[in-house]
């Protein structure tokens, strides 16, 4: 056997060992994932709920949104036009 063939055989052996190692690690990782279920992020959830509740409280008595103002303006114009139409008849 010459040096090139020995190098090739050594490289093949290293690749086989690496593949075997990766397969073993993947199997261990999957087993670990199945044993330990994911936990919810309680801090994120509590902050989200607190902020939504706070926002909803301010919306009830707070300033109206722009689309609410536009809707009210359209309704007022329609009501005014109906009143003018009634006065003309």
N, C-alpha and C. Protein backbone atom coordinates (compact mmCIF):
# COMPACT_ATOMS: atom_id res chain seq x y z
N UNK A 1 0.84 -1.18 0.00
CA UNK A 1 0.00 0.00 0.00
C UNK A 1 0.89 1.25 0.00
N UNK A 2 0.49 2.18 -0.80
CA UNK A 2 1.25 3.42 -0.84
C UNK A 2 0.59 4.48 0.05
N UNK A 3 1.22 5.63 0.14
CA UNK A 3 0.74 6.69 1.03
C UNK A 3 -0.64 7.22 0.63
N UNK A 4 -0.89 7.34 -0.65
CA UNK A 4 -2.19 7.85 -1.11
C UNK A 4 -3.32 6.91 -0.70
N UNK A 5 -3.10 5.62 -0.85
CA UNK A 5 -4.14 4.65 -0.49
C UNK A 5 -4.36 4.64 1.02
N UNK A 6 -3.29 4.73 1.80
CA UNK A 6 -3.43 4.79 3.25
C UNK A 6 -4.18 6.05 3.68
N UNK A 7 -3.89 7.16 3.03
CA UNK A 7 -4.58 8.41 3.33
C UNK A 7 -6.06 8.30 2.99
N UNK A 8 -6.36 7.68 1.85
CA UNK A 8 -7.75 7.50 1.43
C UNK A 8 -8.50 6.61 2.41
N UNK A 9 -7.89 5.51 2.83
CA UNK A 9 -8.52 4.60 3.79
C UNK A 9 -8.73 5.28 5.15
N UNK A 10 -7.76 6.07 5.57
CA UNK A 10 -7.89 6.79 6.84
C UNK A 10 -9.02 7.81 6.76
N UNK A 11 -9.13 8.49 5.62
CA UNK A 11 -10.20 9.48 5.45
C UNK A 11 -11.56 8.79 5.45
N UNK A 12 -11.67 7.64 4.79
CA UNK A 12 -12.93 6.89 4.79
C UNK A 12 -13.31 6.46 6.20
N UNK A 13 -12.33 6.00 6.96
CA UNK A 13 -12.58 5.57 8.33
C UNK A 13 -13.04 6.75 9.19
N UNK A 14 -12.40 7.89 9.01
CA UNK A 14 -12.81 9.09 9.75
C UNK A 14 -14.23 9.51 9.38
N UNK A 15 -14.57 9.44 8.11
CA UNK A 15 -15.93 9.80 7.68
C UNK A 15 -16.95 8.83 8.25
N UNK A 16 -16.62 7.54 8.27
CA UNK A 16 -17.54 6.55 8.86
C UNK A 16 -17.76 6.84 10.34
N UNK A 17 -16.67 7.15 11.05
CA UNK A 17 -16.79 7.47 12.48
C UNK A 17 -17.62 8.73 12.69
N UNK A 18 -17.41 9.73 11.85
CA UNK A 18 -18.16 10.98 11.98
C UNK A 18 -19.65 10.75 11.73
N UNK A 19 -19.98 9.97 10.71
CA UNK A 19 -21.39 9.67 10.42
C UNK A 19 -22.03 8.90 11.56
N UNK A 20 -21.28 7.94 12.10
CA UNK A 20 -21.78 7.14 13.23
C UNK A 20 -22.03 8.04 14.44
N UNK A 21 -21.07 8.93 14.71
CA UNK A 21 -21.19 9.86 15.83
C UNK A 21 -22.41 10.77 15.65
N UNK A 22 -22.59 11.33 14.45
CA UNK A 22 -23.72 12.22 14.20
C UNK A 22 -25.05 11.49 14.33
N UNK A 23 -25.12 10.25 13.84
CA UNK A 23 -26.36 9.48 13.97
C UNK A 23 -26.69 9.24 15.43
N UNK A 24 -25.67 8.95 16.23
CA UNK A 24 -25.89 8.71 17.65
C UNK A 24 -26.35 10.00 18.34
N UNK A 25 -25.72 11.11 18.03
CA UNK A 25 -26.09 12.40 18.64
C UNK A 25 -27.51 12.81 18.23
N UNK A 26 -27.87 12.59 16.98
CA UNK A 26 -29.22 12.93 16.52
C UNK A 26 -30.26 12.09 17.24
N UNK A 27 -29.97 10.81 17.44
CA UNK A 27 -30.90 9.93 18.15
C UNK A 27 -31.05 10.39 19.60
N UNK A 28 -29.95 10.76 20.24
CA UNK A 28 -30.01 11.24 21.62
C UNK A 28 -30.78 12.55 21.69
N UNK A 29 -30.57 13.43 20.74
CA UNK A 29 -31.26 14.72 20.73
C UNK A 29 -32.76 14.51 20.58
N UNK A 30 -33.17 13.64 19.64
CA UNK A 30 -34.60 13.38 19.44
C UNK A 30 -35.22 12.78 20.70
N UNK A 31 -34.51 11.87 21.35
CA UNK A 31 -35.02 11.26 22.57
C UNK A 31 -35.19 12.31 23.67
N UNK A 32 -34.25 13.23 23.76
CA UNK A 32 -34.34 14.30 24.75
C UNK A 32 -35.52 15.21 24.44
N UNK A 33 -35.73 15.54 23.19
CA UNK A 33 -36.83 16.40 22.80
C UNK A 33 -38.17 15.76 23.11
N UNK A 34 -38.28 14.46 22.94
CA UNK A 34 -39.53 13.77 23.23
C UNK A 34 -39.80 13.70 24.72
N UNK A 35 -38.76 13.62 25.52
CA UNK A 35 -38.93 13.49 26.97
C UNK A 35 -39.32 14.82 27.61
N UNK A 36 -38.79 15.91 27.11
CA UNK A 36 -39.04 17.21 27.73
C UNK A 36 -39.91 18.06 26.82
N UNK A 37 -41.19 18.21 27.18
CA UNK A 37 -42.06 19.05 26.34
C UNK A 37 -41.67 20.53 26.47
N UNK A 38 -42.04 21.29 25.46
CA UNK A 38 -41.73 22.71 25.45
C UNK A 38 -42.56 23.43 26.51
N UNK A 39 -41.96 24.39 27.18
CA UNK A 39 -42.65 25.19 28.18
C UNK A 39 -43.03 26.52 27.56
N UNK A 40 -44.19 27.06 27.93
CA UNK A 40 -44.56 28.37 27.39
C UNK A 40 -43.69 29.46 28.02
N UNK A 41 -43.50 30.52 27.28
CA UNK A 41 -42.74 31.66 27.77
C UNK A 41 -43.69 32.51 28.61
N UNK A 42 -43.69 32.26 29.91
CA UNK A 42 -44.66 32.89 30.81
C UNK A 42 -44.46 34.40 30.91
N UNK A 43 -43.24 34.85 30.86
CA UNK A 43 -42.99 36.29 30.95
C UNK A 43 -43.57 37.00 29.73
N UNK A 44 -43.33 36.45 28.55
CA UNK A 44 -43.87 37.04 27.32
C UNK A 44 -45.39 37.05 27.36
N UNK A 45 -45.99 35.93 27.74
CA UNK A 45 -47.45 35.85 27.76
C UNK A 45 -48.05 36.82 28.77
N UNK A 46 -47.47 36.89 29.96
CA UNK A 46 -48.03 37.80 30.98
C UNK A 46 -47.88 39.25 30.55
N UNK A 47 -46.74 39.61 29.96
CA UNK A 47 -46.56 40.99 29.47
C UNK A 47 -47.54 41.31 28.36
N UNK A 48 -47.77 40.38 27.45
CA UNK A 48 -48.70 40.60 26.35
C UNK A 48 -50.11 40.81 26.88
N UNK A 49 -50.54 39.95 27.78
CA UNK A 49 -51.89 40.07 28.34
C UNK A 49 -52.04 41.39 29.10
N UNK A 50 -51.03 41.74 29.91
CA UNK A 50 -51.10 42.99 30.67
C UNK A 50 -51.20 44.19 29.74
N UNK A 51 -50.42 44.20 28.66
CA UNK A 51 -50.44 45.33 27.73
C UNK A 51 -51.76 45.41 26.97
N UNK A 52 -52.32 44.28 26.59
CA UNK A 52 -53.60 44.29 25.88
C UNK A 52 -54.71 44.79 26.79
N UNK A 53 -54.73 44.32 28.03
CA UNK A 53 -55.75 44.78 28.97
C UNK A 53 -55.60 46.28 29.21
N UNK A 54 -54.38 46.74 29.38
CA UNK A 54 -54.13 48.17 29.59
C UNK A 54 -54.59 48.98 28.39
N UNK A 55 -54.28 48.51 27.19
CA UNK A 55 -54.70 49.21 25.97
C UNK A 55 -56.22 49.26 25.87
N UNK A 56 -56.87 48.15 26.17
CA UNK A 56 -58.33 48.11 26.08
C UNK A 56 -58.97 49.06 27.09
N UNK A 57 -58.37 49.20 28.26
CA UNK A 57 -58.91 50.13 29.25
C UNK A 57 -58.80 51.57 28.76
N UNK A 58 -57.67 51.91 28.14
CA UNK A 58 -57.51 53.28 27.65
C UNK A 58 -58.38 53.54 26.43
N UNK A 59 -58.68 52.54 25.64
CA UNK A 59 -59.52 52.71 24.45
C UNK A 59 -60.96 53.00 24.84
N UNK A 60 -61.44 52.45 25.94
CA UNK A 60 -62.84 52.66 26.32
C UNK A 60 -63.10 54.12 26.65
N UNK A 61 -62.19 54.76 27.35
CA UNK A 61 -62.40 56.15 27.72
C UNK A 61 -61.44 57.08 27.04
N UNK A 62 -60.60 56.56 26.21
CA UNK A 62 -59.54 57.36 25.59
C UNK A 62 -59.99 58.04 24.32
N UNK A 63 -59.04 58.55 23.62
CA UNK A 63 -59.30 59.27 22.37
C UNK A 63 -59.74 58.30 21.28
N UNK A 64 -60.68 58.73 20.43
CA UNK A 64 -61.12 57.85 19.34
C UNK A 64 -60.05 57.69 18.27
N UNK A 65 -60.11 56.59 17.57
CA UNK A 65 -59.18 56.33 16.48
C UNK A 65 -59.58 57.15 15.26
N UNK A 66 -58.65 57.30 14.31
CA UNK A 66 -58.89 58.11 13.12
C UNK A 66 -60.04 57.56 12.28
N UNK A 67 -60.13 56.23 12.14
CA UNK A 67 -61.22 55.68 11.33
C UNK A 67 -62.57 55.87 12.02
N UNK A 68 -62.58 55.90 13.37
CA UNK A 68 -63.82 56.19 14.09
C UNK A 68 -64.27 57.63 13.83
N UNK A 69 -63.32 58.55 13.80
CA UNK A 69 -63.63 59.95 13.54
C UNK A 69 -64.17 60.11 12.12
N UNK A 70 -63.53 59.46 11.15
CA UNK A 70 -63.98 59.54 9.76
C UNK A 70 -65.38 58.95 9.61
N UNK A 71 -65.64 57.85 10.28
CA UNK A 71 -66.97 57.23 10.21
C UNK A 71 -68.03 58.16 10.80
N UNK A 72 -67.70 58.79 11.91
CA UNK A 72 -68.64 59.72 12.53
C UNK A 72 -68.90 60.92 11.61
N UNK A 73 -67.87 61.41 10.93
CA UNK A 73 -68.05 62.53 10.00
C UNK A 73 -68.97 62.16 8.85
N UNK A 74 -68.79 60.98 8.30
CA UNK A 74 -69.64 60.52 7.20
C UNK A 74 -71.08 60.38 7.67
N UNK A 75 -71.27 59.80 8.86
CA UNK A 75 -72.62 59.65 9.39
C UNK A 75 -73.28 61.01 9.61
N UNK A 76 -72.52 61.97 10.10
CA UNK A 76 -73.07 63.31 10.31
C UNK A 76 -73.47 63.96 8.99
N UNK A 77 -72.65 63.81 7.96
CA UNK A 77 -72.98 64.39 6.65
C UNK A 77 -74.23 63.74 6.07
N UNK A 78 -74.35 62.42 6.20
CA UNK A 78 -75.55 61.74 5.70
C UNK A 78 -76.80 62.21 6.44
N UNK A 79 -76.69 62.36 7.76
CA UNK A 79 -77.83 62.82 8.55
C UNK A 79 -78.22 64.24 8.14
N UNK A 80 -77.23 65.10 7.92
CA UNK A 80 -77.52 66.47 7.49
C UNK A 80 -78.21 66.50 6.14
N UNK A 81 -77.75 65.67 5.20
CA UNK A 81 -78.38 65.63 3.88
C UNK A 81 -79.81 65.12 3.96
N UNK A 82 -80.07 64.15 4.82
CA UNK A 82 -81.44 63.64 4.98
C UNK A 82 -82.34 64.72 5.56
N UNK A 83 -81.83 65.48 6.52
CA UNK A 83 -82.62 66.56 7.11
C UNK A 83 -82.92 67.64 6.09
N UNK A 84 -81.95 67.98 5.24
CA UNK A 84 -82.18 68.97 4.19
C UNK A 84 -83.22 68.48 3.19
N UNK A 85 -83.16 67.20 2.86
CA UNK A 85 -84.12 66.63 1.92
C UNK A 85 -85.52 66.68 2.51
N UNK A 86 -85.67 66.44 3.81
CA UNK A 86 -86.99 66.50 4.46
C UNK A 86 -87.52 67.93 4.47
N UNK A 87 -86.65 68.91 4.68
CA UNK A 87 -87.08 70.30 4.71
C UNK A 87 -87.56 70.77 3.35
N UNK A 88 -86.93 70.27 2.28
CA UNK A 88 -87.32 70.68 0.94
C UNK A 88 -88.69 70.14 0.57
N UNK A 89 -89.09 69.01 1.10
CA UNK A 89 -90.38 68.42 0.73
C UNK A 89 -91.46 68.94 1.55
